[in-house]
Amino acid sequence: MFPERRMRRVRRRIIQPLLRETELRKTDLIAPVFVDESISAPLPIASMPGQSRHPVEGVADYCERLYDAGIRAVILFGVPGAKDCEATGAYAAEGVVQQAIRRIKERSAGMVVITDVCACEYTDHGHCGIVGETIDGPDLLNDPSLALMAQIAVSHAESGADIVAPSCMLDGMVQAIREALDAAGYEDVLIMSYSSKFASALYGPFRDAAGSGFSFGDRTTYQINPGNAREAVMESELDAAEGADILMVKPAGIYLDILASVRGLGLPVAAYQVSGEYAMIKAAAERGWLNERAVALETLTAIRRAGADLIITYFAEDAARWLDEEQ
């Protein structure tokens, strides 16, 4: 005897669209954009096929193309022409990201511009703030770096950023930035905190793209061990208490359990499908081992299903086109 409940009834092709539980929309997607101060034409990133660094003069053109495709938010990463130990280029009025924000906003006023707030691309040592001697030897200094993050965030807000996104994983970074933004009159600028960011092996291609490799040590003293779930959720709880408007889990695809837990905190949640996740799909697709479009859309849908309101993904432009074709 068959049971009365036949699950295949709800999978009839004509019924499936009516009962789909999770929808992926173009407005869920945020496109990462690398802006390079030293180039005059787009420079392809070898480890991230289909992605390029963009010149300051051309970044508005690229973002207009994204906007026309239906992408409504970008997150900017700067590649400066010069670096120093104190990341002075990160908060310069004519810094690479500051220039890019203004150009994008002049061309595409409706584009939400998010900026990565960190120092790793701007320091000659590649760490995410001020370094000095600690009990464990040379490492990132937490409290001296907070003032730097606040200064960077305010400079981005002054240039027109809608959302600032601190990625340095410093204790107290959200509170320091919120206080600095409010004091400077930018109460309406949101903070999207990289609140649960893991010390992942999946960031390698990004370091090629952003020129943010480190010259000594590693980042395990300020990013989360991949095995620590309770710690990861607590990091997001603390950032929420400090005033974060949006929380983030990074990476996304192999941390869906963390994403689901952070979703339970009640704030909007972003997830970052990182460079290594993108590169693996691209590499397998190039070899004919899987279908790039199908796998990319499946992974993005899974990230949404686990609880992400927003997804930062290098597939953003392609996914927007694929979603249009499915309608």
Protein backbone atom coordinates (compact mmCIF):
# COMPACT_ATOMS: atom_id res chain seq x y z
CA MET A 1 0.00 0.00 0.00
CA PHE A 2 1.25 3.43 -0.89
CA PRO A 3 1.00 6.13 1.78
CA GLU A 4 -1.62 8.80 1.30
CA ARG A 5 1.11 11.45 1.20
CA ARG A 6 2.75 11.32 -2.22
CA MET A 7 5.55 13.88 -2.32
CA ARG A 8 5.94 13.66 -6.09
CA ARG A 9 2.57 15.34 -6.52
CA VAL A 10 4.07 18.66 -5.47
CA ARG A 11 6.96 18.19 -7.91
CA ARG A 12 4.89 18.29 -11.07
CA ARG A 13 6.66 20.73 -13.36
CA ILE A 14 3.65 23.00 -13.61
CA ILE A 15 3.34 23.08 -9.79
CA GLN A 16 7.01 23.57 -8.90
CA PRO A 17 7.11 27.37 -9.43
CA LEU A 18 4.14 27.85 -7.12
CA LEU A 19 5.72 26.00 -4.21
CA ARG A 20 9.35 27.09 -4.49
CA GLU A 21 10.47 27.97 -0.98
CA THR A 22 13.63 29.95 -1.76
CA GLU A 23 13.89 32.51 -4.55
CA LEU A 24 17.17 33.96 -5.75
CA ARG A 25 16.76 37.52 -7.02
CA LYS A 26 19.14 39.92 -8.70
CA THR A 27 18.64 42.38 -5.86
CA ASP A 28 20.08 39.78 -3.45
CA LEU A 29 23.47 40.01 -5.17
CA ILE A 30 26.43 42.29 -4.45
CA ALA A 31 29.29 42.45 -6.95
CA PRO A 32 32.86 42.83 -5.65
CA VAL A 33 34.85 45.41 -7.63
CA PHE A 34 38.64 45.80 -7.54
CA VAL A 35 39.86 49.30 -8.35
CA ASP A 36 43.55 49.69 -9.22
CA GLU A 37 45.17 53.09 -9.04
CA SER A 38 48.09 52.07 -11.28
CA ILE A 39 46.38 50.79 -14.43
CA SER A 40 44.65 52.46 -17.36
CA ALA A 41 42.69 49.48 -18.69
CA PRO A 42 41.03 46.44 -17.07
CA LEU A 43 43.60 43.89 -15.93
CA PRO A 44 42.38 40.25 -15.88
CA ILE A 45 42.95 38.30 -12.66
CA ALA A 46 44.55 34.99 -13.62
CA SER A 47 43.31 33.02 -10.61
CA MET A 48 39.75 34.33 -11.02
CA PRO A 49 38.71 33.81 -14.66
CA GLY A 50 36.23 36.43 -15.80
CA GLN A 51 37.26 38.95 -13.13
CA SER A 52 39.51 42.00 -13.57
CA ARG A 53 41.00 44.90 -11.72
CA HIS A 54 39.48 48.13 -13.02
CA PRO A 55 41.17 51.52 -13.43
CA VAL A 56 39.82 54.49 -11.52
CA GLU A 57 38.89 56.13 -14.82
CA GLY A 58 36.88 53.11 -15.96
CA VAL A 59 35.23 51.85 -12.79
CA ALA A 60 32.08 53.93 -13.32
CA ASP A 61 31.64 52.35 -16.76
CA TYR A 62 31.88 48.89 -15.27
CA CYS A 63 29.45 49.68 -12.46
CA GLU A 64 27.00 51.20 -14.92
CA ARG A 65 27.14 47.90 -16.82
CA LEU A 66 26.39 46.04 -13.59
CA TYR A 67 23.50 48.39 -12.85
CA ASP A 68 22.05 47.87 -16.31
CA ALA A 69 22.24 44.11 -15.69
CA GLY A 70 20.13 44.54 -12.55
CA ILE A 71 22.83 44.53 -9.90
CA ARG A 72 22.03 47.21 -7.33
CA ALA A 73 25.04 47.04 -5.01
CA VAL A 74 28.81 46.79 -5.31
CA ILE A 75 31.55 46.42 -2.71
CA LEU A 76 34.81 48.19 -3.50
CA PHE A 77 38.35 47.01 -2.83
CA GLY A 78 41.21 49.39 -3.53
CA VAL A 79 44.63 48.56 -4.96
CA PRO A 80 46.77 51.64 -4.23
CA GLY A 81 49.82 52.77 -6.14
CA ALA A 82 51.90 52.95 -2.95
CA LYS A 83 51.87 51.32 0.48
CA ASP A 84 53.32 52.15 3.88
CA CYS A 85 53.33 50.72 7.38
CA GLU A 86 50.43 52.90 8.56
CA ALA A 87 48.07 52.53 5.57
CA THR A 88 47.86 56.29 4.98
CA GLY A 89 46.51 55.71 1.48
CA ALA A 90 43.45 54.01 2.91
CA TYR A 91 41.98 57.26 4.23
CA ALA A 92 43.45 59.78 1.77
CA ALA A 93 40.89 62.16 0.30
CA GLU A 94 42.14 61.27 -3.18
CA GLY A 95 42.69 57.61 -2.40
CA VAL A 96 41.74 54.99 -4.93
CA VAL A 97 38.48 53.96 -3.25
CA GLN A 98 37.50 57.54 -2.45
CA GLN A 99 37.88 58.50 -6.11
CA ALA A 100 35.98 55.40 -7.22
CA ILE A 101 33.02 56.12 -4.93
CA ARG A 102 32.59 59.61 -6.32
CA ARG A 103 32.82 58.47 -9.93
CA ILE A 104 30.32 55.65 -9.45
CA LYS A 105 27.84 57.87 -7.64
CA GLU A 106 28.09 60.54 -10.35
CA ARG A 107 27.29 57.96 -13.03
CA SER A 108 24.88 55.59 -11.26
CA ALA A 109 23.21 57.42 -8.39
CA GLY A 110 20.97 54.44 -7.66
CA MET A 111 23.84 52.04 -7.10
CA VAL A 112 24.43 51.18 -3.45
CA VAL A 113 28.16 51.62 -2.87
CA ILE A 114 29.68 49.52 -0.09
CA THR A 115 33.32 49.87 0.85
CA ASP A 116 35.63 47.35 2.44
CA VAL A 117 37.15 49.02 5.51
CA CYS A 118 40.52 47.44 6.15
CA ALA A 119 44.21 48.22 5.82
CA CYS A 120 45.63 45.02 4.33
CA GLU A 121 45.74 46.38 0.76
CA TYR A 122 47.45 49.57 1.95
CA THR A 123 50.10 48.32 4.38
CA ASP A 124 53.55 47.24 3.26
CA HIS A 125 53.34 44.28 5.66
CA GLY A 126 49.90 43.17 4.46
CA HIS A 127 48.20 42.94 7.84
CA CYS A 128 44.87 44.57 8.60
CA GLY A 129 46.02 47.50 10.73
CA ILE A 130 48.90 48.70 12.87
CA VAL A 131 51.42 46.01 13.80
CA GLY A 132 53.78 45.85 16.75
CA GLU A 133 55.20 43.57 19.39
CA THR A 134 52.78 41.39 21.35
CA ILE A 135 53.17 38.58 23.85
CA ASP A 136 53.37 36.22 20.87
CA GLY A 137 55.76 38.33 18.81
CA PRO A 138 54.99 40.77 15.96
CA ASP A 139 51.24 40.88 15.25
CA LEU A 140 48.25 43.11 14.62
CA LEU A 141 47.65 45.56 17.48
CA ASN A 142 43.97 45.76 18.25
CA ASP A 143 43.25 49.07 19.97
CA PRO A 144 45.75 51.23 18.04
CA SER A 145 44.16 49.93 14.84
CA LEU A 146 40.63 50.97 15.83
CA ALA A 147 41.34 54.65 15.25
CA LEU A 148 42.69 53.80 11.79
CA MET A 149 39.52 51.89 10.88
CA ALA A 150 37.37 54.76 12.06
CA GLN A 151 39.39 57.20 9.98
CA ILE A 152 39.07 55.02 6.88
CA ALA A 153 35.31 54.62 7.36
CA VAL A 154 34.73 58.36 7.75
CA SER A 155 36.76 59.08 4.61
CA HIS A 156 34.59 56.64 2.67
CA ALA A 157 31.43 58.23 4.01
CA GLU A 158 32.71 61.68 3.07
CA SER A 159 33.17 60.44 -0.48
CA GLY A 160 29.60 59.15 -0.68
CA ALA A 161 29.63 55.53 0.48
CA ASP A 162 26.24 54.19 1.53
CA ILE A 163 27.57 51.29 3.60
CA VAL A 164 30.98 50.71 5.18
CA ALA A 165 32.08 47.15 5.78
CA PRO A 166 34.89 46.60 8.29
CA SER A 167 36.65 43.32 7.53
CA CYS A 168 39.61 43.48 9.93
CA MET A 169 38.01 41.40 12.73
CA LEU A 170 39.25 43.77 15.43
CA ASP A 171 37.54 43.68 18.81
CA GLY A 172 35.42 46.83 19.11
CA MET A 173 35.65 47.83 15.44
CA VAL A 174 31.91 48.35 14.96
CA GLN A 175 31.56 50.59 18.01
CA ALA A 176 34.62 52.65 17.05
CA ILE A 177 33.36 53.17 13.52
CA ARG A 178 29.77 53.91 14.59
CA GLU A 179 30.94 56.56 17.04
CA ALA A 180 33.22 58.15 14.44
CA LEU A 181 30.54 58.19 11.73
CA ASP A 182 27.96 59.70 14.06
CA ALA A 183 30.39 62.34 15.31
CA ALA A 184 31.15 63.33 11.72
CA GLY A 185 27.46 63.64 10.83
CA TYR A 186 27.07 60.34 8.96
CA GLU A 187 24.39 58.74 11.12
CA ASP A 188 22.66 57.35 8.02
CA VAL A 189 25.68 55.42 6.75
CA LEU A 190 25.21 51.73 7.51
CA ILE A 191 27.79 49.34 8.92
CA MET A 192 27.91 45.88 7.37
CA SER A 193 30.32 44.05 9.62
CA TYR A 194 32.39 41.07 8.55
CA SER A 195 31.27 39.74 11.91
CA SER A 196 31.92 36.00 11.51
CA LYS A 197 35.00 35.86 9.30
CA PHE A 198 37.03 32.68 9.31
CA ALA A 199 40.77 32.15 8.83
CA SER A 200 39.97 30.26 5.66
CA ALA A 201 42.20 28.63 3.06
CA LEU A 202 39.78 29.87 0.38
CA TYR A 203 41.07 33.46 0.18
CA GLY A 204 44.11 32.82 -2.02
CA PRO A 205 42.79 34.20 -5.32
CA PHE A 206 41.54 37.35 -3.56
CA ARG A 207 45.05 38.10 -2.35
CA ASP A 208 46.18 37.98 -5.97
CA ALA A 209 43.32 40.26 -6.96
CA ALA A 210 43.77 42.84 -4.20
CA GLY A 211 47.51 42.56 -3.63
CA SER A 212 46.85 41.90 0.06
CA GLY A 213 49.21 39.06 0.93
CA PHE A 214 51.06 39.37 4.24
CA SER A 215 54.84 39.46 4.66
CA PHE A 216 55.02 37.60 7.97
CA GLY A 217 52.88 35.45 10.24
CA ASP A 218 49.25 34.81 9.43
CA ARG A 219 45.79 36.12 10.38
CA THR A 220 44.76 33.37 12.76
CA THR A 221 44.99 35.67 15.80
CA TYR A 222 42.20 37.87 14.49
CA GLN A 223 40.15 35.61 12.21
CA ILE A 224 38.13 32.65 13.49
CA ASN A 225 39.37 29.08 13.49
CA PRO A 226 37.24 27.10 10.99
CA GLY A 227 36.30 24.59 13.68
CA ASN A 228 34.80 27.14 16.10
CA ALA A 229 31.06 27.57 15.66
CA ARG A 230 30.14 29.03 19.06
CA GLU A 231 32.93 31.58 18.81
CA ALA A 232 31.75 32.59 15.34
CA VAL A 233 28.18 33.22 16.51
CA MET A 234 29.44 35.14 19.54
CA GLU A 235 31.47 37.42 17.25
CA SER A 236 28.29 38.32 15.41
CA GLU A 237 26.39 38.80 18.67
CA LEU A 238 29.03 41.25 19.88
CA ASP A 239 28.99 43.23 16.63
CA ALA A 240 25.20 43.39 16.75
CA ALA A 241 25.43 44.79 20.29
CA GLU A 242 27.95 47.40 19.13
CA GLY A 243 25.54 48.70 16.48
CA ALA A 244 26.11 46.75 13.27
CA ASP A 245 23.25 47.16 10.80
CA ILE A 246 24.10 44.06 8.77
CA LEU A 247 26.09 41.00 9.86
CA MET A 248 28.21 38.85 7.56
CA VAL A 249 29.47 35.29 7.36
CA LYS A 250 32.62 34.71 5.29
CA PRO A 251 33.16 32.32 3.51
CA ALA A 252 29.63 31.31 2.63
CA GLY A 253 29.24 27.91 0.99
CA ILE A 254 30.98 25.67 3.52
CA TYR A 255 29.76 27.67 6.52
CA LEU A 256 26.01 27.39 5.99
CA ASP A 257 25.54 26.15 9.56
CA ILE A 258 27.09 29.39 10.85
CA LEU A 259 24.96 31.41 8.47
CA ALA A 260 21.78 29.77 9.74
CA SER A 261 22.79 30.45 13.34
CA VAL A 262 23.68 34.11 12.70
CA ARG A 263 20.35 34.52 10.92
CA GLY A 264 18.70 33.75 14.24
CA LEU A 265 20.13 36.94 15.78
CA GLY A 266 17.47 38.97 13.96
CA LEU A 267 19.59 41.37 11.91
CA PRO A 268 19.95 41.30 8.11
CA VAL A 269 22.71 38.90 7.13
CA ALA A 270 25.13 38.95 4.21
CA ALA A 271 27.26 36.02 3.09
CA TYR A 272 30.45 36.27 1.03
CA GLN A 273 30.95 33.59 -1.60
CA VAL A 274 34.70 34.07 -1.64
CA SER A 275 37.32 33.93 -4.36
CA GLY A 276 38.28 30.30 -3.73
CA GLU A 277 34.67 29.17 -3.97
CA TYR A 278 34.35 31.01 -7.27
CA ALA A 279 37.69 29.74 -8.61
CA MET A 280 36.88 26.10 -7.83
CA ILE A 281 33.63 26.24 -9.76
CA LYS A 282 35.31 28.04 -12.66
CA ALA A 283 38.20 25.58 -12.80
CA ALA A 284 35.95 22.52 -12.75
CA ALA A 285 33.68 24.04 -15.39
CA GLU A 286 36.64 24.83 -17.66
CA ARG A 287 37.57 21.14 -17.53
CA GLY A 288 34.03 20.07 -18.35
CA TRP A 289 33.58 18.41 -14.96
CA LEU A 290 30.44 20.34 -14.07
CA ASN A 291 27.96 22.85 -15.45
CA GLU A 292 29.07 26.32 -14.31
CA ARG A 293 25.67 27.97 -14.56
CA ALA A 294 23.81 25.17 -12.79
CA VAL A 295 26.35 24.86 -9.97
CA ALA A 296 26.71 28.62 -9.47
CA LEU A 297 22.95 29.13 -9.22
CA GLU A 298 22.58 26.10 -6.95
CA THR A 299 25.25 27.36 -4.55
CA LEU A 300 23.75 30.85 -4.47
CA THR A 301 20.29 29.43 -3.82
CA ALA A 302 21.68 27.30 -0.99
CA ILE A 303 23.27 30.36 0.58
CA ARG A 304 19.92 32.16 0.41
CA ARG A 305 18.13 29.10 1.81
CA ALA A 306 20.48 29.01 4.80
CA GLY A 307 19.54 32.56 5.72
CA ALA A 308 21.45 35.16 3.68
CA ASP A 309 19.55 38.30 2.76
CA LEU A 310 22.49 39.47 0.62
CA ILE A 311 25.19 37.52 -1.19
CA ILE A 312 28.54 38.97 -2.20
CA THR A 313 29.56 36.91 -5.21
CA TYR A 314 31.86 37.13 -8.22
CA PHE A 315 29.08 35.45 -10.18
CA ALA A 316 26.81 38.49 -9.69
CA GLU A 317 26.76 39.75 -13.28
CA ASP A 318 26.50 36.28 -14.81
CA ALA A 319 23.84 35.24 -12.30
CA ALA A 320 21.77 38.32 -13.16
CA ARG A 321 21.82 37.29 -16.81
CA TRP A 322 21.00 33.68 -16.02
CA LEU A 323 18.05 34.71 -13.85
CA ASP A 324 16.73 36.87 -16.68
CA GLU A 325 16.96 33.92 -19.05
CA GLU A 326 14.95 31.73 -16.68
CA GLN A 327 11.98 34.10 -16.63
